C-alpha atoms as a PDB file:
ATOM      1  CA  MET A   1      58.924 -25.024 -36.590  1.00  0.00           C
ATOM      2  CA  THR A   2      59.498 -21.391 -36.995  1.00  0.00           C
ATOM      3  CA  ALA A   3      57.667 -19.080 -34.639  1.00  0.00           C
ATOM      4  CA  GLU A   4      55.863 -16.174 -36.360  1.00  0.00           C
ATOM      5  CA  ARG A   5      56.553 -12.787 -34.412  1.00  0.00           C
ATOM      6  CA  THR A   6      53.631 -10.385 -34.771  1.00  0.00           C
ATOM      7  CA  SER A   7      54.334  -6.948 -33.651  1.00  0.00           C
ATOM      8  CA  ALA A   8      51.936  -5.767 -31.049  1.00  0.00           C
ATOM      9  CA  PRO A   9      51.543  -2.211 -30.546  1.00  0.00           C
ATOM     10  CA  ALA A  10      53.646  -0.508 -27.643  1.00  0.00           C
ATOM     11  CA  PRO A  11      51.846  -0.220 -24.552  1.00  0.00           C
ATOM     12  CA  GLY A  12      50.139   3.194 -24.599  1.00  0.00           C
ATOM     13  CA  ALA A  13      50.192   3.325 -28.539  1.00  0.00           C
ATOM     14  CA  GLN A  14      46.916   3.696 -30.189  1.00  0.00           C
ATOM     15  CA  ALA A  15      46.604   1.814 -33.276  1.00  0.00           C
ATOM     16  CA  THR A  16      45.881   3.882 -36.536  1.00  0.00           C
ATOM     17  CA  SER A  17      43.268   2.980 -39.260  1.00  0.00           C
ATOM     18  CA  ALA A  18      43.297   4.288 -42.706  1.00  0.00           C
ATOM     19  CA  PRO A  19      41.401   7.639 -42.811  1.00  0.00           C
ATOM     20  CA  THR A  20      37.881   7.010 -44.204  1.00  0.00           C
ATOM     21  CA  PRO A  21      36.906   9.222 -47.539  1.00  0.00           C
ATOM     22  CA  ALA A  22      34.502  11.183 -45.099  1.00  0.00           C
ATOM     23  CA  THR A  23      37.286  11.928 -42.620  1.00  0.00           C
ATOM     24  CA  GLN A  24      39.875  13.091 -45.746  1.00  0.00           C
ATOM     25  CA  ALA A  25      36.928  15.246 -47.179  1.00  0.00           C
ATOM     26  CA  THR A  26      36.623  17.010 -43.943  1.00  0.00           C
ATOM     27  CA  GLU A  27      40.318  17.608 -43.568  1.00  0.00           C
ATOM     28  CA  ARG A  28      40.128  19.039 -47.206  1.00  0.00           C
ATOM     29  CA  ILE A  29      37.315  21.243 -46.288  1.00  0.00           C
ATOM     30  CA  GLU A  30      39.066  22.373 -43.288  1.00  0.00           C
ATOM     31  CA  ALA A  31      42.580  22.999 -45.094  1.00  0.00           C
ATOM     32  CA  LEU A  32      40.631  24.930 -47.697  1.00  0.00           C
ATOM     33  CA  ILE A  33      38.911  27.164 -44.766  1.00  0.00           C
ATOM     34  CA  ALA A  34      42.215  27.805 -43.029  1.00  0.00           C
ATOM     35  CA  ARG A  35      43.767  29.035 -46.373  1.00  0.00           C
ATOM     36  CA  LEU A  36      40.769  31.207 -46.945  1.00  0.00           C
ATOM     37  CA  LEU A  37      41.120  32.597 -43.653  1.00  0.00           C
ATOM     38  CA  VAL A  38      44.793  33.229 -43.999  1.00  0.00           C
ATOM     39  CA  VAL A  39      44.747  34.835 -46.993  1.00  0.00           C
ATOM     40  CA  GLY A  40      41.806  36.928 -46.326  1.00  0.00           C
ATOM     41  CA  THR A  41      43.466  38.226 -43.128  1.00  0.00           C
ATOM     42  CA  TYR A  42      46.632  39.200 -45.379  1.00  0.00           C
ATOM     43  CA  VAL A  43      44.289  40.868 -47.663  1.00  0.00           C
ATOM     44  CA  ALA A  44      42.771  42.746 -45.087  1.00  0.00           C
ATOM     45  CA  ILE A  45      46.004  43.737 -43.190  1.00  0.00           C
ATOM     46  CA  GLY A  46      47.284  44.939 -46.482  1.00  0.00           C
ATOM     47  CA  PHE A  47      44.375  47.222 -47.326  1.00  0.00           C
ATOM     48  CA  VAL A  48      44.523  48.658 -43.707  1.00  0.00           C
ATOM     49  CA  LEU A  49      48.561  49.281 -44.028  1.00  0.00           C
ATOM     50  CA  VAL A  50      48.064  50.749 -47.209  1.00  0.00           C
ATOM     51  CA  GLY A  51      45.457  53.064 -45.934  1.00  0.00           C
ATOM     52  CA  VAL A  52      47.643  54.067 -42.921  1.00  0.00           C
ATOM     53  CA  VAL A  53      50.533  54.674 -45.234  1.00  0.00           C
ATOM     54  CA  LEU A  54      48.313  56.955 -47.377  1.00  0.00           C
ATOM     55  CA  MET A  55      46.954  58.755 -44.357  1.00  0.00           C
ATOM     56  CA  LEU A  56      50.497  59.571 -43.357  1.00  0.00           C
ATOM     57  CA  GLY A  57      51.484  60.780 -46.755  1.00  0.00           C
ATOM     58  CA  HIS A  58      48.590  62.864 -46.912  1.00  0.00           C
ATOM     59  CA  GLY A  59      49.635  64.599 -43.705  1.00  0.00           C
ATOM     60  CA  ILE A  60      46.711  62.861 -41.478  1.00  0.00           C
ATOM     61  CA  ASP A  61      47.244  61.973 -37.873  1.00  0.00           C
ATOM     62  CA  PRO A  62      45.685  58.517 -37.488  1.00  0.00           C
ATOM     63  CA  LEU A  63      45.757  59.233 -33.596  1.00  0.00           C
ATOM     64  CA  VAL A  64      43.795  62.413 -33.837  1.00  0.00           C
ATOM     65  CA  HIS A  65      39.950  61.541 -32.764  1.00  0.00           C
ATOM     66  CA  ALA A  66      38.511  63.222 -35.789  1.00  0.00           C
ATOM     67  CA  THR A  67      35.296  62.065 -37.220  1.00  0.00           C
ATOM     68  CA  ALA A  68      35.363  59.084 -39.113  1.00  0.00           C
ATOM     69  CA  PRO A  69      34.415  59.266 -42.688  1.00  0.00           C
ATOM     70  CA  ALA A  70      31.018  58.144 -43.749  1.00  0.00           C
ATOM     71  CA  PHE A  71      30.816  54.430 -45.068  1.00  0.00           C
ATOM     72  CA  ASP A  72      29.351  54.087 -48.545  1.00  0.00           C
ATOM     73  CA  LEU A  73      30.266  50.483 -49.712  1.00  0.00           C
ATOM     74  CA  ALA A  74      29.512  51.661 -53.204  1.00  0.00           C
ATOM     75  CA  ALA A  75      32.017  54.573 -53.071  1.00  0.00           C
ATOM     76  CA  VAL A  76      34.866  52.153 -51.767  1.00  0.00           C
ATOM     77  CA  PRO A  77      36.164  51.211 -55.334  1.00  0.00           C
ATOM     78  CA  SER A  78      36.240  54.769 -56.589  1.00  0.00           C
ATOM     79  CA  GLN A  79      38.232  55.814 -53.378  1.00  0.00           C
ATOM     80  CA  ILE A  80      40.680  53.008 -53.885  1.00  0.00           C
ATOM     81  CA  ALA A  81      41.298  53.949 -57.754  1.00  0.00           C
ATOM     82  CA  ALA A  82      41.741  57.711 -56.346  1.00  0.00           C
ATOM     83  CA  LEU A  83      44.299  56.412 -53.605  1.00  0.00           C
ATOM     84  CA  ALA A  84      42.059  57.751 -50.816  1.00  0.00           C
ATOM     85  CA  PRO A  85      43.131  56.714 -47.620  1.00  0.00           C
ATOM     86  CA  GLU A  86      39.496  55.816 -46.277  1.00  0.00           C
ATOM     87  CA  GLY A  87      38.824  53.586 -49.294  1.00  0.00           C
ATOM     88  CA  PHE A  88      41.615  51.188 -48.169  1.00  0.00           C
ATOM     89  CA  LEU A  89      40.842  51.482 -44.458  1.00  0.00           C
ATOM     90  CA  TRP A  90      36.847  50.527 -45.050  1.00  0.00           C
ATOM     91  CA  ALA A  91      37.935  48.003 -47.755  1.00  0.00           C
ATOM     92  CA  GLY A  92      40.293  46.360 -44.914  1.00  0.00           C
ATOM     93  CA  LEU A  93      37.442  46.330 -42.385  1.00  0.00           C
ATOM     94  CA  VAL A  94      34.889  44.771 -45.007  1.00  0.00           C
ATOM     95  CA  THR A  95      37.090  42.073 -45.682  1.00  0.00           C
ATOM     96  CA  VAL A  96      37.531  41.131 -42.212  1.00  0.00           C
ATOM     97  CA  LEU A  97      33.750  41.119 -41.888  1.00  0.00           C
ATOM     98  CA  CYS A  98      33.143  39.027 -44.630  1.00  0.00           C
ATOM     99  CA  LEU A  99      35.832  36.450 -43.490  1.00  0.00           C
ATOM    100  CA  PRO A 100      33.418  34.485 -41.217  1.00  0.00           C
ATOM    101  CA  ILE A 101      30.599  34.611 -43.749  1.00  0.00           C
ATOM    102  CA  ALA A 102      32.877  33.302 -46.544  1.00  0.00           C
ATOM    103  CA  ARG A 103      34.027  30.718 -44.027  1.00  0.00           C
ATOM    104  CA  VAL A 104      30.372  29.410 -43.624  1.00  0.00           C
ATOM    105  CA  ILE A 105      29.766  29.577 -47.262  1.00  0.00           C
ATOM    106  CA  VAL A 106      33.022  27.485 -47.925  1.00  0.00           C
ATOM    107  CA  ALA A 107      32.249  25.025 -45.628  1.00  0.00           C
ATOM    108  CA  GLY A 108      28.322  24.591 -46.476  1.00  0.00           C
ATOM    109  CA  LEU A 109      29.643  24.169 -50.043  1.00  0.00           C
ATOM    110  CA  GLY A 110      32.078  21.580 -49.186  1.00  0.00           C
ATOM    111  CA  PHE A 111      29.450  19.603 -46.849  1.00  0.00           C
ATOM    112  CA  ALA A 112      27.165  19.439 -49.772  1.00  0.00           C
ATOM    113  CA  ARG A 113      29.624  18.488 -52.281  1.00  0.00           C
ATOM    114  CA  VAL A 114      30.584  15.540 -49.820  1.00  0.00           C
ATOM    115  CA  GLY A 115      26.706  14.853 -49.504  1.00  0.00           C
ATOM    116  CA  ASP A 116      26.740  15.942 -45.688  1.00  0.00           C
ATOM    117  CA  ARG A 117      23.307  17.400 -46.030  1.00  0.00           C
ATOM    118  CA  ARG A 118      22.623  17.956 -42.493  1.00  0.00           C
ATOM    119  CA  LEU A 119      25.496  20.246 -41.995  1.00  0.00           C
ATOM    120  CA  ALA A 120      25.091  21.676 -45.316  1.00  0.00           C
ATOM    121  CA  LEU A 121      21.687  22.577 -44.222  1.00  0.00           C
ATOM    122  CA  VAL A 122      23.193  24.315 -41.006  1.00  0.00           C
ATOM    123  CA  SER A 123      25.364  26.545 -42.929  1.00  0.00           C
ATOM    124  CA  VAL A 124      22.671  27.677 -45.298  1.00  0.00           C
ATOM    125  CA  MET A 125      20.318  28.592 -42.083  1.00  0.00           C
ATOM    126  CA  VAL A 126      23.379  30.237 -40.385  1.00  0.00           C
ATOM    127  CA  VAL A 127      23.978  32.425 -43.746  1.00  0.00           C
ATOM    128  CA  LEU A 128      20.396  33.241 -44.096  1.00  0.00           C
ATOM    129  CA  VAL A 129      20.452  34.210 -40.105  1.00  0.00           C
ATOM    130  CA  ILE A 130      23.524  36.686 -41.173  1.00  0.00           C
ATOM    131  CA  VAL A 131      21.512  37.951 -44.005  1.00  0.00           C
ATOM    132  CA  VAL A 132      18.522  38.766 -42.240  1.00  0.00           C
ATOM    133  CA  SER A 133      20.473  40.503 -39.307  1.00  0.00           C
ATOM    134  CA  ILE A 134      22.327  42.459 -42.083  1.00  0.00           C
ATOM    135  CA  LEU A 135      18.839  43.607 -43.479  1.00  0.00           C
ATOM    136  CA  ALA A 136      17.342  44.314 -40.348  1.00  0.00           C
ATOM    137  CA  ALA A 137      20.382  46.289 -39.235  1.00  0.00           C
ATOM    138  CA  ARG A 138      20.183  48.596 -42.437  1.00  0.00           C
ATOM    139  CA  GLY A 139      16.520  48.932 -41.704  1.00  0.00           C
ATOM    140  CA  LEU A 140      17.642  50.603 -38.361  1.00  0.00           C
ATOM    141  CA  GLU A 141      20.201  52.913 -39.572  1.00  0.00           C
ATOM    142  CA  GLY A 142      17.812  55.395 -41.427  1.00  0.00           C
END
């Protein structure tokens, strides 16, 4: 008679089970969001770095406390095309501000794709709150 040996987990070790499709989907969404945030951060840093280098090239001291140039989102692309430092600096700031919004949008799309309606709805509500806040702030500035 041969005795069959079963391997029991070592004391303190946890048994692992195969990841569920929902867990795999969540991990894919989180990985996509992480890549978005990393790439977006590098893009923002690149814009700011180019803006600072251009400031120095134009003889503008970034440490002098002068009046900040007015922000006009529509003018940023033409400022970048003209290699104006403020265009690159504004683009970097706008990129940083858009990253959290993009993160919520990507998460919401990911949740909708895997069929998690509750979290997709929460993401939509968060985006709506952000949009309403931006519109309210624009109404206060003028």
